Amino acid sequence: VQLQACGGGLMQAGGFLRLSCAASATIFSFNVMGWYRQAPGKQRELVALIFLGGRTTYADSVKGRFTISRDSGKNTVYLQMNTLKPEDTAVYYCNAERTASQPFWGQGTLVTVSS
């Protein structure tokens, strides 16, 4: 399984970006898909998850600003990021997990938010 993430870039604070993660397998083959991020000098952290049944969960730091969604026809998961803040600057990684399998990771896409 391959996950191809894209959509990162440079944005001013208050702006928005949409990240995409295209999977090489049907997204309904995964129990959960999500986005993580890693800022310079920090550990990777959870940003948002979407479960097979459609339930979503978010890190407190992004609640109300970020939205995770999916398009089964395109086997793609999205992360809509609004009202960006400089502290959102990080490399964002797409993740997918199946039962009894190692997690799958995308290659990462860099998001830089300037103040």
PDB file of N, CA and C in Angstrom:
ATOM      1  N   VAL A   1       0.855  -1.191   0.000  1.00  0.00           N
ATOM      2  CA  VAL A   1       0.000   0.000   0.000  1.00  0.00           C
ATOM      3  C   VAL A   1       0.887   1.237   0.000  1.00  0.00           C
ATOM      4  N   GLN A   2       0.520   2.172  -0.850  1.00  0.00           N
ATOM      5  CA  GLN A   2       1.235   3.448  -0.888  1.00  0.00           C
ATOM      6  C   GLN A   2       0.280   4.587  -0.577  1.00  0.00           C
ATOM      7  N   LEU A   3       0.783   5.555   0.164  1.00  0.00           N
ATOM      8  CA  LEU A   3       0.030   6.754   0.476  1.00  0.00           C
ATOM      9  C   LEU A   3       0.793   7.941  -0.096  1.00  0.00           C
ATOM     10  N   GLN A   4       0.129   8.714  -0.920  1.00  0.00           N
ATOM     11  CA  GLN A   4       0.757   9.859  -1.567  1.00  0.00           C
ATOM     12  C   GLN A   4       0.130  11.133  -1.032  1.00  0.00           C
ATOM     13  N   ALA A   5       0.906  11.863  -0.244  1.00  0.00           N
ATOM     14  CA  ALA A   5       0.405  13.105   0.352  1.00  0.00           C
ATOM     15  C   ALA A   5       0.875  14.306  -0.450  1.00  0.00           C
ATOM     16  N   CYS A   6       0.019  15.292  -0.545  1.00  0.00           N
ATOM     17  CA  CYS A   6       0.393  16.528  -1.233  1.00  0.00           C
ATOM     18  C   CYS A   6      -0.467  17.664  -0.710  1.00  0.00           C
ATOM     19  N   GLY A   7      -0.112  18.877  -1.118  1.00  0.00           N
ATOM     20  CA  GLY A   7      -0.910  20.032  -0.757  1.00  0.00           C
ATOM     21  C   GLY A   7      -0.246  21.006   0.190  1.00  0.00           C
ATOM     22  N   GLY A   8       0.912  20.647   0.693  1.00  0.00           N
ATOM     23  CA  GLY A   8       1.607  21.563   1.585  1.00  0.00           C
ATOM     24  C   GLY A   8       2.136  22.775   0.851  1.00  0.00           C
ATOM     25  N   GLY A   9       2.621  23.726   1.639  1.00  0.00           N
ATOM     26  CA  GLY A   9       3.175  24.923   1.039  1.00  0.00           C
ATOM     27  C   GLY A   9       3.380  25.999   2.069  1.00  0.00           C
ATOM     28  N   LEU A  10       3.632  27.202   1.574  1.00  0.00           N
ATOM     29  CA  LEU A  10       3.854  28.362   2.437  1.00  0.00           C
ATOM     30  C   LEU A  10       2.592  29.212   2.454  1.00  0.00           C
ATOM     31  N   MET A  11       2.155  29.556   3.652  1.00  0.00           N
ATOM     32  CA  MET A  11       0.930  30.326   3.794  1.00  0.00           C
ATOM     33  C   MET A  11       1.111  31.312   4.942  1.00  0.00           C
ATOM     34  N   GLN A  12       0.466  32.438   4.822  1.00  0.00           N
ATOM     35  CA  GLN A  12       0.470  33.404   5.909  1.00  0.00           C
ATOM     36  C   GLN A  12      -0.507  32.987   6.995  1.00  0.00           C
ATOM     37  N   ALA A  13      -0.242  33.417   8.187  1.00  0.00           N
ATOM     38  CA  ALA A  13      -1.147  33.143   9.295  1.00  0.00           C
ATOM     39  C   ALA A  13      -2.543  33.649   8.961  1.00  0.00           C
ATOM     40  N   GLY A  14      -3.530  32.840   9.313  1.00  0.00           N
ATOM     41  CA  GLY A  14      -4.913  33.175   8.997  1.00  0.00           C
ATOM     42  C   GLY A  14      -5.396  32.584   7.699  1.00  0.00           C
ATOM     43  N   GLY A  15      -4.477  32.073   6.913  1.00  0.00           N
ATOM     44  CA  GLY A  15      -4.825  31.488   5.626  1.00  0.00           C
ATOM     45  C   GLY A  15      -5.272  30.049   5.749  1.00  0.00           C
ATOM     46  N   PHE A  16      -5.404  29.386   4.600  1.00  0.00           N
ATOM     47  CA  PHE A  16      -5.866  28.009   4.613  1.00  0.00           C
ATOM     48  C   PHE A  16      -5.115  27.194   3.567  1.00  0.00           C
ATOM     49  N   LEU A  17      -5.082  25.893   3.819  1.00  0.00           N
ATOM     50  CA  LEU A  17      -4.520  24.924   2.890  1.00  0.00           C
ATOM     51  C   LEU A  17      -5.344  23.654   2.979  1.00  0.00           C
ATOM     52  N   ARG A  18      -5.314  22.860   1.928  1.00  0.00           N
ATOM     53  CA  ARG A  18      -5.944  21.544   1.963  1.00  0.00           C
ATOM     54  C   ARG A  18      -4.931  20.504   1.558  1.00  0.00           C
ATOM     55  N   LEU A  19      -4.709  19.561   2.450  1.00  0.00           N
ATOM     56  CA  LEU A  19      -3.816  18.442   2.178  1.00  0.00           C
ATOM     57  C   LEU A  19      -4.633  17.271   1.644  1.00  0.00           C
ATOM     58  N   SER A  20      -4.021  16.515   0.760  1.00  0.00           N
ATOM     59  CA  SER A  20      -4.648  15.322   0.207  1.00  0.00           C
ATOM     60  C   SER A  20      -3.745  14.118   0.430  1.00  0.00           C
ATOM     61  N   CYS A  21      -4.358  12.986   0.640  1.00  0.00           N
ATOM     62  CA  CYS A  21      -3.624  11.727   0.794  1.00  0.00           C
ATOM     63  C   CYS A  21      -4.323  10.683  -0.054  1.00  0.00           C
ATOM     64  N   ALA A  22      -3.704  10.319  -1.156  1.00  0.00           N
ATOM     65  CA  ALA A  22      -4.265   9.331  -2.066  1.00  0.00           C
ATOM     66  C   ALA A  22      -3.682   7.956  -1.740  1.00  0.00           C
ATOM     67  N   ALA A  23      -4.562   6.990  -1.538  1.00  0.00           N
ATOM     68  CA  ALA A  23      -4.140   5.630  -1.205  1.00  0.00           C
ATOM     69  C   ALA A  23      -4.187   4.739  -2.443  1.00  0.00           C
ATOM     70  N   SER A  24      -3.273   3.771  -2.485  1.00  0.00           N
ATOM     71  CA  SER A  24      -3.249   2.843  -3.617  1.00  0.00           C
ATOM     72  C   SER A  24      -4.231   1.689  -3.426  1.00  0.00           C
ATOM     73  N   ALA A  25      -4.890   1.657  -2.255  1.00  0.00           N
ATOM     74  CA  ALA A  25      -5.912   0.656  -1.973  1.00  0.00           C
ATOM     75  C   ALA A  25      -7.190   1.381  -1.570  1.00  0.00           C
ATOM     76  N   THR A  26      -8.298   0.667  -1.602  1.00  0.00           N
ATOM     77  CA  THR A  26      -9.542   1.288  -1.175  1.00  0.00           C
ATOM     78  C   THR A  26      -9.431   1.745   0.275  1.00  0.00           C
ATOM     79  N   ILE A  27      -9.878   2.952   0.533  1.00  0.00           N
ATOM     80  CA  ILE A  27      -9.725   3.486   1.891  1.00  0.00           C
ATOM     81  C   ILE A  27     -10.601   2.729   2.883  1.00  0.00           C
ATOM     82  N   PHE A  28     -11.580   1.985   2.397  1.00  0.00           N
ATOM     83  CA  PHE A  28     -12.415   1.211   3.306  1.00  0.00           C
ATOM     84  C   PHE A  28     -11.740  -0.099   3.732  1.00  0.00           C
ATOM     85  N   SER A  29     -10.524  -0.331   3.258  1.00  0.00           N
ATOM     86  CA  SER A  29      -9.757  -1.484   3.727  1.00  0.00           C
ATOM     87  C   SER A  29      -8.985  -1.150   4.999  1.00  0.00           C
ATOM     88  N   PHE A  30      -9.048   0.115   5.409  1.00  0.00           N
ATOM     89  CA  PHE A  30      -8.347   0.559   6.604  1.00  0.00           C
ATOM     90  C   PHE A  30      -9.331   0.812   7.747  1.00  0.00           C
ATOM     91  N   ASN A  31      -8.917   0.459   8.944  1.00  0.00           N
ATOM     92  CA  ASN A  31      -9.756   0.732  10.112  1.00  0.00           C
ATOM     93  C   ASN A  31      -9.796   2.231  10.418  1.00  0.00           C
ATOM     94  N   VAL A  32      -8.684   2.880  10.139  1.00  0.00           N
ATOM     95  CA  VAL A  32      -8.590   4.299  10.440  1.00  0.00           C
ATOM     96  C   VAL A  32      -7.537   4.919   9.536  1.00  0.00           C
ATOM     97  N   MET A  33      -7.787   6.146   9.151  1.00  0.00           N
ATOM     98  CA  MET A  33      -6.798   6.935   8.424  1.00  0.00           C
ATOM     99  C   MET A  33      -6.671   8.275   9.115  1.00  0.00           C
ATOM    100  N   GLY A  34      -5.528   8.887   8.953  1.00  0.00           N
ATOM    101  CA  GLY A  34      -5.376  10.151   9.639  1.00  0.00           C
ATOM    102  C   GLY A  34      -4.161  10.937   9.221  1.00  0.00           C
ATOM    103  N   TRP A  35      -3.995  12.041   9.905  1.00  0.00           N
ATOM    104  CA  TRP A  35      -2.871  12.934   9.674  1.00  0.00           C
ATOM    105  C   TRP A  35      -2.119  13.145  10.981  1.00  0.00           C
ATOM    106  N   TYR A  36      -0.820  13.107  10.860  1.00  0.00           N
ATOM    107  CA  TYR A  36       0.072  13.432  11.955  1.00  0.00           C
ATOM    108  C   TYR A  36       1.005  14.546  11.474  1.00  0.00           C
ATOM    109  N   ARG A  37       1.661  15.192  12.403  1.00  0.00           N
ATOM    110  CA  ARG A  37       2.618  16.223  12.012  1.00  0.00           C
ATOM    111  C   ARG A  37       3.822  16.198  12.941  1.00  0.00           C
ATOM    112  N   GLN A  38       4.924  16.672  12.404  1.00  0.00           N
ATOM    113  CA  GLN A  38       6.151  16.753  13.181  1.00  0.00           C
ATOM    114  C   GLN A  38       6.807  18.091  12.913  1.00  0.00           C
ATOM    115  N   ALA A  39       6.861  18.900  13.954  1.00  0.00           N
ATOM    116  CA  ALA A  39       7.520  20.205  13.865  1.00  0.00           C
ATOM    117  C   ALA A  39       9.009  20.029  14.153  1.00  0.00           C
ATOM    118  N   PRO A  40       9.836  20.960  13.703  1.00  0.00           N
ATOM    119  CA  PRO A  40      11.280  20.850  13.942  1.00  0.00           C
ATOM    120  C   PRO A  40      11.596  20.707  15.419  1.00  0.00           C
ATOM    121  N   GLY A  41      12.374  19.697  15.763  1.00  0.00           N
ATOM    122  CA  GLY A  41      12.783  19.487  17.136  1.00  0.00           C
ATOM    123  C   GLY A  41      11.727  18.884  18.039  1.00  0.00           C
ATOM    124  N   LYS A  42      10.599  18.490  17.466  1.00  0.00           N
ATOM    125  CA  LYS A  42       9.514  17.928  18.285  1.00  0.00           C
ATOM    126  C   LYS A  42       9.153  16.530  17.798  1.00  0.00           C
ATOM    127  N   GLN A  43       8.434  15.829  18.646  1.00  0.00           N
ATOM    128  CA  GLN A  43       7.975  14.499  18.276  1.00  0.00           C
ATOM    129  C   GLN A  43       6.760  14.592  17.360  1.00  0.00           C
ATOM    130  N   ARG A  44       6.567  13.527  16.600  1.00  0.00           N
ATOM    131  CA  ARG A  44       5.394  13.458  15.745  1.00  0.00           C
ATOM    132  C   ARG A  44       4.147  13.407  16.622  1.00  0.00           C
ATOM    133  N   GLU A  45       3.111  14.134  16.222  1.00  0.00           N
ATOM    134  CA  GLU A  45       1.888  14.175  17.012  1.00  0.00           C
ATOM    135  C   GLU A  45       0.666  13.975  16.119  1.00  0.00           C
ATOM    136  N   LEU A  46      -0.370  13.464  16.746  1.00  0.00           N
ATOM    137  CA  LEU A  46      -1.623  13.250  16.045  1.00  0.00           C
ATOM    138  C   LEU A  46      -2.291  14.583  15.740  1.00  0.00           C
ATOM    139  N   VAL A  47      -2.845  14.703  14.544  1.00  0.00           N
ATOM    140  CA  VAL A  47      -3.612  15.886  14.167  1.00  0.00           C
ATOM    141  C   VAL A  47      -5.100  15.530  14.072  1.00  0.00           C
ATOM    142  N   ALA A  48      -5.417  14.532  13.267  1.00  0.00           N
ATOM    143  CA  ALA A  48      -6.818  14.173  13.052  1.00  0.00           C
ATOM    144  C   ALA A  48      -6.919  12.745  12.557  1.00  0.00           C
ATOM    145  N   LEU A  49      -8.016  12.084  12.921  1.00  0.00           N
ATOM    146  CA  LEU A  49      -8.289  10.724  12.471  1.00  0.00           C
ATOM    147  C   LEU A  49      -9.701  10.633  11.921  1.00  0.00           C
ATOM    148  N   ILE A  50      -9.879   9.738  10.958  1.00  0.00           N
ATOM    149  CA  ILE A  50     -11.215   9.386  10.502  1.00  0.00           C
ATOM    150  C   ILE A  50     -11.302   7.866  10.499  1.00  0.00           C
ATOM    151  N   PHE A  51     -12.296   7.348  11.203  1.00  0.00           N
ATOM    152  CA  PHE A  51     -12.446   5.909  11.360  1.00  0.00           C
ATOM    153  C   PHE A  51     -13.328   5.340  10.254  1.00  0.00           C
ATOM    154  N   LEU A  52     -13.287   4.031  10.133  1.00  0.00           N
ATOM    155  CA  LEU A  52     -14.006   3.350   9.063  1.00  0.00           C
ATOM    156  C   LEU A  52     -15.478   3.747   9.042  1.00  0.00           C
ATOM    157  N   GLY A  53     -16.077   3.858  10.207  1.00  0.00           N
ATOM    158  CA  GLY A  53     -17.499   4.199  10.294  1.00  0.00           C
ATOM    159  C   GLY A  53     -17.795   5.678  10.093  1.00  0.00           C
ATOM    160  N   GLY A  54     -16.754   6.481   9.944  1.00  0.00           N
ATOM    161  CA  GLY A  54     -16.943   7.902   9.684  1.00  0.00           C
ATOM    162  C   GLY A  54     -16.680   8.821  10.862  1.00  0.00           C
ATOM    163  N   ARG A  55     -16.512   8.240  12.035  1.00  0.00           N
ATOM    164  CA  ARG A  55     -16.232   9.087  13.206  1.00  0.00           C
ATOM    165  C   ARG A  55     -14.871   9.762  13.042  1.00  0.00           C
ATOM    166  N   THR A  56     -14.807  10.993  13.511  1.00  0.00           N
ATOM    167  CA  THR A  56     -13.557  11.754  13.437  1.00  0.00           C
ATOM    168  C   THR A  56     -13.118  12.200  14.822  1.00  0.00           C
ATOM    169  N   THR A  57     -11.828  12.433  14.958  1.00  0.00           N
ATOM    170  CA  THR A  57     -11.298  12.957  16.192  1.00  0.00           C
ATOM    171  C   THR A  57     -10.143  13.884  15.850  1.00  0.00           C
ATOM    172  N   TYR A  58      -9.926  14.879  16.722  1.00  0.00           N
ATOM    173  CA  TYR A  58      -8.928  15.906  16.448  1.00  0.00           C
ATOM    174  C   TYR A  58      -8.090  16.209  17.687  1.00  0.00           C
ATOM    175  N   ALA A  59      -6.882  16.646  17.438  1.00  0.00           N
ATOM    176  CA  ALA A  59      -6.075  17.185  18.518  1.00  0.00           C
ATOM    177  C   ALA A  59      -6.728  18.480  18.998  1.00  0.00           C
ATOM    178  N   ASP A  60      -6.593  18.749  20.278  1.00  0.00           N
ATOM    179  CA  ASP A  60      -7.208  19.962  20.830  1.00  0.00           C
ATOM    180  C   ASP A  60      -6.700  21.218  20.118  1.00  0.00           C
ATOM    181  N   SER A  61      -5.456  21.190  19.715  1.00  0.00           N
ATOM    182  CA  SER A  61      -4.845  22.379  19.122  1.00  0.00           C
ATOM    183  C   SER A  61      -5.431  22.741  17.753  1.00  0.00           C
ATOM    184  N   VAL A  62      -6.140  21.806  17.122  1.00  0.00           N
ATOM    185  CA  VAL A  62      -6.677  22.086  15.787  1.00  0.00           C
ATOM    186  C   VAL A  62      -8.199  22.036  15.730  1.00  0.00           C
ATOM    187  N   LYS A  63      -8.824  21.679  16.833  1.00  0.00           N
ATOM    188  CA  LYS A  63     -10.291  21.594  16.843  1.00  0.00           C
ATOM    189  C   LYS A  63     -10.911  22.929  16.447  1.00  0.00           C
ATOM    190  N   GLY A  64     -11.894  22.835  15.579  1.00  0.00           N
ATOM    191  CA  GLY A  64     -12.573  24.038  15.116  1.00  0.00           C
ATOM    192  C   GLY A  64     -11.883  24.722  13.953  1.00  0.00           C
ATOM    193  N   ARG A  65     -10.661  24.308  13.641  1.00  0.00           N
ATOM    194  CA  ARG A  65      -9.924  24.923  12.526  1.00  0.00           C
ATOM    195  C   ARG A  65      -9.652  23.918  11.400  1.00  0.00           C
ATOM    196  N   PHE A  66      -9.410  22.678  11.747  1.00  0.00           N
ATOM    197  CA  PHE A  66      -9.080  21.639  10.765  1.00  0.00           C
ATOM    198  C   PHE A  66     -10.253  20.674  10.635  1.00  0.00           C
ATOM    199  N   THR A  67     -10.419  20.154   9.425  1.00  0.00           N
ATOM    200  CA  THR A  67     -11.458  19.161   9.164  1.00  0.00           C
ATOM    201  C   THR A  67     -10.878  18.036   8.321  1.00  0.00           C
ATOM    202  N   ILE A  68     -11.055  16.815   8.798  1.00  0.00           N
ATOM    203  CA  ILE A  68     -10.632  15.645   8.032  1.00  0.00           C
ATOM    204  C   ILE A  68     -11.854  15.068   7.327  1.00  0.00           C
ATOM    205  N   SER A  69     -11.653  14.646   6.089  1.00  0.00           N
ATOM    206  CA  SER A  69     -12.755  14.070   5.321  1.00  0.00           C
ATOM    207  C   SER A  69     -12.179  13.055   4.342  1.00  0.00           C
ATOM    208  N   ARG A  70     -13.076  12.372   3.639  1.00  0.00           N
ATOM    209  CA  ARG A  70     -12.610  11.352   2.700  1.00  0.00           C
ATOM    210  C   ARG A  70     -13.525  11.301   1.486  1.00  0.00           C
ATOM    211  N   ASP A  71     -12.949  10.825   0.395  1.00  0.00           N
ATOM    212  CA  ASP A  71     -13.683  10.604  -0.843  1.00  0.00           C
ATOM    213  C   ASP A  71     -13.380   9.168  -1.264  1.00  0.00           C
ATOM    214  N   SER A  72     -14.333   8.283  -1.053  1.00  0.00           N
ATOM    215  CA  SER A  72     -14.085   6.874  -1.342  1.00  0.00           C
ATOM    216  C   SER A  72     -13.893   6.619  -2.832  1.00  0.00           C
ATOM    217  N   GLY A  73     -14.528   7.432  -3.650  1.00  0.00           N
ATOM    218  CA  GLY A  73     -14.380   7.251  -5.093  1.00  0.00           C
ATOM    219  C   GLY A  73     -12.972   7.530  -5.583  1.00  0.00           C
ATOM    220  N   LYS A  74     -12.273   8.379  -4.853  1.00  0.00           N
ATOM    221  CA  LYS A  74     -10.893   8.737  -5.208  1.00  0.00           C
ATOM    222  C   LYS A  74      -9.882   8.087  -4.275  1.00  0.00           C
ATOM    223  N   ASN A  75     -10.379   7.292  -3.317  1.00  0.00           N
ATOM    224  CA  ASN A  75      -9.482   6.685  -2.317  1.00  0.00           C
ATOM    225  C   ASN A  75      -8.557   7.730  -1.708  1.00  0.00           C
ATOM    226  N   THR A  76      -9.140   8.834  -1.336  1.00  0.00           N
ATOM    227  CA  THR A  76      -8.366   9.975  -0.857  1.00  0.00           C
ATOM    228  C   THR A  76      -8.941  10.514   0.443  1.00  0.00           C
ATOM    229  N   VAL A  77      -8.049  10.863   1.331  1.00  0.00           N
ATOM    230  CA  VAL A  77      -8.405  11.524   2.587  1.00  0.00           C
ATOM    231  C   VAL A  77      -7.846  12.947   2.535  1.00  0.00           C
ATOM    232  N   TYR A  78      -8.624  13.872   3.036  1.00  0.00           N
ATOM    233  CA  TYR A  78      -8.240  15.276   2.993  1.00  0.00           C
ATOM    234  C   TYR A  78      -8.098  15.844   4.404  1.00  0.00           C
ATOM    235  N   LEU A  79      -7.309  16.892   4.497  1.00  0.00           N
ATOM    236  CA  LEU A  79      -7.236  17.675   5.730  1.00  0.00           C
ATOM    237  C   LEU A  79      -7.371  19.133   5.327  1.00  0.00           C
ATOM    238  N   GLN A  80      -8.531  19.693   5.597  1.00  0.00           N
ATOM    239  CA  GLN A  80      -8.763  21.110   5.359  1.00  0.00           C
ATOM    240  C   GLN A  80      -8.280  21.881   6.576  1.00  0.00           C
ATOM    241  N   MET A  81      -7.339  22.771   6.347  1.00  0.00           N
ATOM    242  CA  MET A  81      -6.738  23.517   7.453  1.00  0.00           C
ATOM    243  C   MET A  81      -7.057  24.990   7.283  1.00  0.00           C
ATOM    244  N   ASN A  82      -7.866  25.518   8.175  1.00  0.00           N
ATOM    245  CA  ASN A  82      -8.264  26.926   8.139  1.00  0.00           C
ATOM    246  C   ASN A  82      -7.632  27.683   9.297  1.00  0.00           C
ATOM    247  N   THR A  83      -7.643  28.985   9.175  1.00  0.00           N
ATOM    248  CA  THR A  83      -7.110  29.863  10.219  1.00  0.00           C
ATOM    249  C   THR A  83      -5.755  29.351  10.697  1.00  0.00           C
ATOM    250  N   LEU A  84      -4.874  29.168   9.761  1.00  0.00           N
ATOM    251  CA  LEU A  84      -3.560  28.623  10.079  1.00  0.00           C
ATOM    252  C   LEU A  84      -2.782  29.545  11.012  1.00  0.00           C
ATOM    253  N   LYS A  85      -1.991  28.917  11.859  1.00  0.00           N
ATOM    254  CA  LYS A  85      -1.153  29.629  12.820  1.00  0.00           C
ATOM    255  C   LYS A  85       0.310  29.237  12.597  1.00  0.00           C
ATOM    256  N   PRO A  86       1.234  30.101  12.980  1.00  0.00           N
ATOM    257  CA  PRO A  86       2.653  29.722  12.830  1.00  0.00           C
ATOM    258  C   PRO A  86       2.991  28.400  13.511  1.00  0.00           C
ATOM    259  N   GLU A  87       2.323  28.104  14.613  1.00  0.00           N
ATOM    260  CA  GLU A  87       2.591  26.842  15.318  1.00  0.00           C
ATOM    261  C   GLU A  87       2.073  25.610  14.580  1.00  0.00           C
ATOM    262  N   ASP A  88       1.362  25.812  13.477  1.00  0.00           N
ATOM    263  CA  ASP A  88       0.957  24.691  12.625  1.00  0.00           C
ATOM    264  C   ASP A  88       2.079  24.274  11.673  1.00  0.00           C
ATOM    265  N   THR A  89       3.148  25.038  11.652  1.00  0.00           N
ATOM    266  CA  THR A  89       4.277  24.708  10.786  1.00  0.00           C
ATOM    267  C   THR A  89       4.855  23.348  11.168  1.00  0.00           C
ATOM    268  N   ALA A  90       4.907  22.458  10.184  1.00  0.00           N
ATOM    269  CA  ALA A  90       5.378  21.093  10.431  1.00  0.00           C
ATOM    270  C   ALA A  90       5.367  20.324   9.117  1.00  0.00           C
ATOM    271  N   VAL A  91       5.966  19.162   9.160  1.00  0.00           N
ATOM    272  CA  VAL A  91       5.784  18.192   8.081  1.00  0.00           C
ATOM    273  C   VAL A  91       4.569  17.346   8.454  1.00  0.00           C
ATOM    274  N   TYR A  92       3.632  17.263   7.546  1.00  0.00           N
ATOM    275  CA  TYR A  92       2.394  16.531   7.786  1.00  0.00           C
ATOM    276  C   TYR A  92       2.463  15.179   7.090  1.00  0.00           C
ATOM    277  N   TYR A  93       2.122  14.146   7.842  1.00  0.00           N
ATOM    278  CA  TYR A  93       2.187  12.776   7.345  1.00  0.00           C
ATOM    279  C   TYR A  93       0.806  12.143   7.350  1.00  0.00           C
ATOM    280  N   CYS A  94       0.515  11.471   6.265  1.00  0.00           N
ATOM    281  CA  CYS A  94      -0.705  10.686   6.171  1.00  0.00           C
ATOM    282  C   CYS A  94      -0.442   9.295   6.744  1.00  0.00           C
ATOM    283  N   ASN A  95      -1.434   8.750   7.393  1.00  0.00           N
ATOM    284  CA  ASN A  95      -1.304   7.444   8.042  1.00  0.00           C
ATOM    285  C   ASN A  95      -2.542   6.610   7.775  1.00  0.00           C
ATOM    286  N   ALA A  96      -2.341   5.299   7.652  1.00  0.00           N
ATOM    287  CA  ALA A  96      -3.469   4.378   7.494  1.00  0.00           C
ATOM    288  C   ALA A  96      -3.155   3.096   8.255  1.00  0.00           C
ATOM    289  N   GLU A  97      -4.166   2.540   8.887  1.00  0.00           N
ATOM    290  CA  GLU A  97      -3.950   1.339   9.690  1.00  0.00           C
ATOM    291  C   GLU A  97      -5.005   0.282   9.419  1.00  0.00           C
ATOM    292  N   ARG A  98      -4.524  -0.965   9.409  1.00  0.00           N
ATOM    293  CA  ARG A  98      -5.395  -2.126   9.259  1.00  0.00           C
ATOM    294  C   ARG A  98      -5.150  -3.058  10.421  1.00  0.00           C
ATOM    295  N   THR A  99      -6.098  -3.902  10.702  1.00  0.00           N
ATOM    296  CA  THR A  99      -5.946  -4.914  11.742  1.00  0.00           C
ATOM    297  C   THR A  99      -4.805  -5.858  11.359  1.00  0.00           C
ATOM    298  N   ALA A 100      -3.975  -6.197  12.342  1.00  0.00           N
ATOM    299  CA  ALA A 100      -2.898  -7.170  12.168  1.00  0.00           C
ATOM    300  C   ALA A 100      -1.948  -6.793  11.040  1.00  0.00           C
ATOM    301  N   SER A 101      -1.662  -5.496  10.934  1.00  0.00           N
ATOM    302  CA  SER A 101      -0.739  -5.042   9.906  1.00  0.00           C
ATOM    303  C   SER A 101       0.044  -3.858  10.439  1.00  0.00           C
ATOM    304  N   GLN A 102       1.244  -3.689   9.935  1.00  0.00           N
ATOM    305  CA  GLN A 102       2.002  -2.500  10.283  1.00  0.00           C
ATOM    306  C   GLN A 102       1.305  -1.267   9.717  1.00  0.00           C
ATOM    307  N   PRO A 103       1.402  -0.142  10.391  1.00  0.00           N
ATOM    308  CA  PRO A 103       0.787   1.076   9.854  1.00  0.00           C
ATOM    309  C   PRO A 103       1.497   1.526   8.583  1.00  0.00           C
ATOM    310  N   PHE A 104       0.734   2.185   7.732  1.00  0.00           N
ATOM    311  CA  PHE A 104       1.285   2.724   6.495  1.00  0.00           C
ATOM    312  C   PHE A 104       1.444   4.233   6.649  1.00  0.00           C
ATOM    313  N   TRP A 105       2.533   4.758   6.078  1.00  0.00           N
ATOM    314  CA  TRP A 105       2.806   6.193   6.168  1.00  0.00           C
ATOM    315  C   TRP A 105       3.084   6.761   4.783  1.00  0.00           C
ATOM    316  N   GLY A 106       2.602   7.972   4.572  1.00  0.00           N
ATOM    317  CA  GLY A 106       2.961   8.703   3.373  1.00  0.00           C
ATOM    318  C   GLY A 106       4.311   9.368   3.559  1.00  0.00           C
ATOM    319  N   GLN A 107       4.773  10.054   2.539  1.00  0.00           N
ATOM    320  CA  GLN A 107       6.128  10.602   2.542  1.00  0.00           C
ATOM    321  C   GLN A 107       6.230  11.933   3.270  1.00  0.00           C
ATOM    322  N   GLY A 108       5.136  12.547   3.611  1.00  0.00           N
ATOM    323  CA  GLY A 108       5.175  13.830   4.303  1.00  0.00           C
ATOM    324  C   GLY A 108       5.088  14.998   3.346  1.00  0.00           C
ATOM    325  N   THR A 109       4.397  16.028   3.781  1.00  0.00           N
ATOM    326  CA  THR A 109       4.301  17.258   2.998  1.00  0.00           C
ATOM    327  C   THR A 109       4.485  18.427   3.960  1.00  0.00           C
ATOM    328  N   LEU A 110       5.321  19.372   3.573  1.00  0.00           N
ATOM    329  CA  LEU A 110       5.704  20.461   4.463  1.00  0.00           C
ATOM    330  C   LEU A 110       4.697  21.600   4.404  1.00  0.00           C
ATOM    331  N   VAL A 111       4.267  22.012   5.573  1.00  0.00           N
ATOM    332  CA  VAL A 111       3.404  23.182   5.719  1.00  0.00           C
ATOM    333  C   VAL A 111       4.167  24.225   6.521  1.00  0.00           C
ATOM    334  N   THR A 112       4.313  25.402   5.956  1.00  0.00           N
ATOM    335  CA  THR A 112       4.987  26.500   6.630  1.00  0.00           C
ATOM    336  C   THR A 112       4.031  27.669   6.733  1.00  0.00           C
ATOM    337  N   VAL A 113       3.824  28.147   7.952  1.00  0.00           N
ATOM    338  CA  VAL A 113       2.909  29.265   8.186  1.00  0.00           C
ATOM    339  C   VAL A 113       3.716  30.435   8.721  1.00  0.00           C
ATOM    340  N   SER A 114       3.704  31.525   7.997  1.00  0.00           N
ATOM    341  CA  SER A 114       4.456  32.704   8.409  1.00  0.00           C
ATOM    342  C   SER A 114       3.560  33.658   9.200  1.00  0.00           C
ATOM    343  N   SER A 115       4.178  34.356  10.112  1.00  0.00           N
ATOM    344  CA  SER A 115       3.406  35.282  10.961  1.00  0.00           C
ATOM    345  C   SER A 115       3.301  36.656  10.324  1.00  0.00           C
TER     346      SER A 115
END
